[in-house]
Protein backbone atom coordinates (compact mmCIF):
# COMPACT_ATOMS: atom_id res chain seq x y z
CA MET A 1 27.30 -5.44 39.91
CA THR A 2 24.59 -6.59 42.31
CA ASP A 3 25.29 -9.23 44.94
CA SER A 4 22.94 -12.00 43.73
CA SER A 5 22.90 -13.59 47.18
CA ALA A 6 21.37 -10.35 48.51
CA LEU A 7 18.40 -10.61 46.14
CA ASP A 8 14.93 -11.32 47.41
CA PRO A 9 14.33 -15.10 47.10
CA GLU A 10 11.56 -14.54 44.53
CA ASP A 11 13.86 -12.36 42.41
CA ARG A 12 16.66 -14.92 42.69
CA LYS A 13 14.15 -17.53 41.48
CA ILE A 14 13.29 -15.66 38.27
CA VAL A 15 16.99 -15.10 37.53
CA THR A 16 17.61 -18.83 37.98
CA LEU A 17 14.67 -19.71 35.75
CA ALA A 18 15.84 -17.29 33.06
CA ARG A 19 19.35 -18.73 33.20
CA SER A 20 18.00 -22.28 32.93
CA ALA A 21 15.85 -21.41 29.89
CA ARG A 22 18.84 -19.91 28.12
CA ALA A 23 21.06 -22.90 28.82
CA ARG A 24 18.43 -25.58 28.18
CA ASN A 25 17.36 -24.16 24.84
CA GLY A 26 20.77 -22.97 23.67
CA VAL A 27 19.40 -19.51 22.85
CA PRO A 28 21.05 -16.08 23.16
CA GLU A 29 18.77 -14.97 26.01
CA GLY A 30 16.55 -16.42 28.67
CA ALA A 31 13.94 -14.45 30.60
CA ALA A 32 11.35 -14.82 33.31
CA VAL A 33 8.63 -12.55 34.62
CA ARG A 34 6.54 -12.74 37.80
CA ASP A 35 2.92 -11.58 37.73
CA GLU A 36 0.75 -10.01 40.41
CA THR A 37 -0.25 -13.43 41.80
CA GLY A 38 3.31 -14.75 41.99
CA ARG A 39 3.07 -16.92 38.88
CA THR A 40 6.17 -17.03 36.71
CA TYR A 41 6.51 -17.23 32.96
CA VAL A 42 9.79 -18.37 31.44
CA ALA A 43 10.95 -18.04 27.85
CA GLY A 44 13.93 -18.07 25.54
CA THR A 45 14.66 -16.12 22.41
CA VAL A 46 12.35 -16.95 19.49
CA ASP A 47 14.14 -16.87 16.14
CA LEU A 48 11.95 -18.27 13.37
CA PRO A 49 11.88 -17.07 9.78
CA SER A 50 8.45 -15.50 10.34
CA LEU A 51 8.70 -14.59 14.05
CA LYS A 52 11.55 -13.02 15.99
CA LEU A 53 11.08 -12.11 19.66
CA SER A 54 13.51 -11.48 22.45
CA ALA A 55 13.25 -13.74 25.47
CA LEU A 56 11.83 -10.98 27.65
CA ARG A 57 9.15 -9.97 25.14
CA THR A 58 8.23 -13.66 24.76
CA ALA A 59 7.88 -14.04 28.54
CA VAL A 60 5.69 -10.92 28.71
CA ALA A 61 3.54 -12.26 25.86
CA MET A 62 3.16 -15.58 27.69
CA ALA A 63 2.05 -13.74 30.83
CA VAL A 64 -0.52 -11.70 28.89
CA ALA A 65 -1.80 -14.79 27.06
CA SER A 66 -2.22 -16.52 30.42
CA GLY A 67 -4.31 -13.71 31.87
CA ALA A 68 -1.76 -11.77 33.93
CA LYS A 69 -2.96 -8.27 34.78
CA SER A 70 0.39 -6.84 35.90
CA LEU A 71 4.02 -7.74 36.58
CA GLU A 72 5.97 -7.51 39.81
CA ALA A 73 9.43 -8.13 38.32
CA ALA A 74 11.31 -9.36 35.29
CA ALA A 75 14.72 -10.91 34.69
CA VAL A 76 16.79 -11.44 31.57
CA VAL A 77 20.00 -13.43 31.19
CA THR A 78 21.95 -11.95 28.32
CA ASP A 79 25.38 -11.03 27.04
CA ALA A 80 24.09 -7.50 26.37
CA ASP A 81 24.94 -4.71 28.79
CA SER A 82 21.30 -4.00 29.59
CA ALA A 83 17.74 -4.83 28.62
CA SER A 84 16.80 -3.23 25.32
CA ALA A 85 14.40 -0.30 25.16
CA GLU A 86 11.88 -2.57 23.41
CA ASP A 87 12.11 -5.17 26.17
CA ARG A 88 11.71 -2.55 28.90
CA ALA A 89 8.70 -1.11 27.04
CA ALA A 90 7.00 -4.52 26.92
CA VAL A 91 7.53 -4.94 30.66
CA ALA A 92 6.23 -1.41 31.28
CA ASP A 93 3.14 -2.08 29.16
CA LEU A 94 2.04 -4.77 31.59
CA GLY A 95 3.84 -3.91 34.80
CA GLY A 96 4.24 -0.16 34.74
CA ALA A 97 7.30 2.02 34.40
CA ALA A 98 8.61 1.22 37.89
CA THR A 99 8.75 -2.56 37.38
CA PRO A 100 12.29 -3.76 38.08
CA VAL A 101 14.15 -5.62 35.33
CA LEU A 102 17.10 -7.67 36.60
CA VAL A 103 19.86 -8.01 34.00
CA ALA A 104 22.17 -10.98 34.58
CA GLY A 105 25.08 -12.61 32.80
CA ALA A 106 25.30 -16.24 31.71
CA ASP A 107 26.59 -17.22 35.15
CA GLY A 108 23.45 -15.80 36.79
CA THR A 109 25.22 -12.84 38.36
CA VAL A 110 22.95 -9.81 38.31
CA ARG A 111 24.88 -6.98 36.67
CA SER A 112 22.23 -4.32 37.04
CA THR A 113 18.63 -3.63 37.88
CA VAL A 114 16.83 -1.15 35.65
CA THR A 115 13.26 0.03 35.68
CA ALA A 116 10.96 -0.78 32.82
CA GLY A 117 10.13 2.82 32.04
């Protein structure tokens, strides 16, 4: 487990935003990504009959749709043990394989940091 208080303030911010999206929307996951200019994109799980996206893939899609060229970091608040391979691949597509993905529990405690690739 990672000491969340030891996180960089910008990383702590995206974890907090991801946690808020999850709680506010009552969805299984919340996520946030930070692009190369410091802008953040926040999303929750999308579960429609015709469209199903994880929170992290939704946040990456929002960043791409808004013109982001790369990602500095990503965070997902989830009950899962880690970010899925599909989520990490989406982050890697935009940010590169070395982009850190912070994985936190519902309480905002970062359980692990994995790389996208």
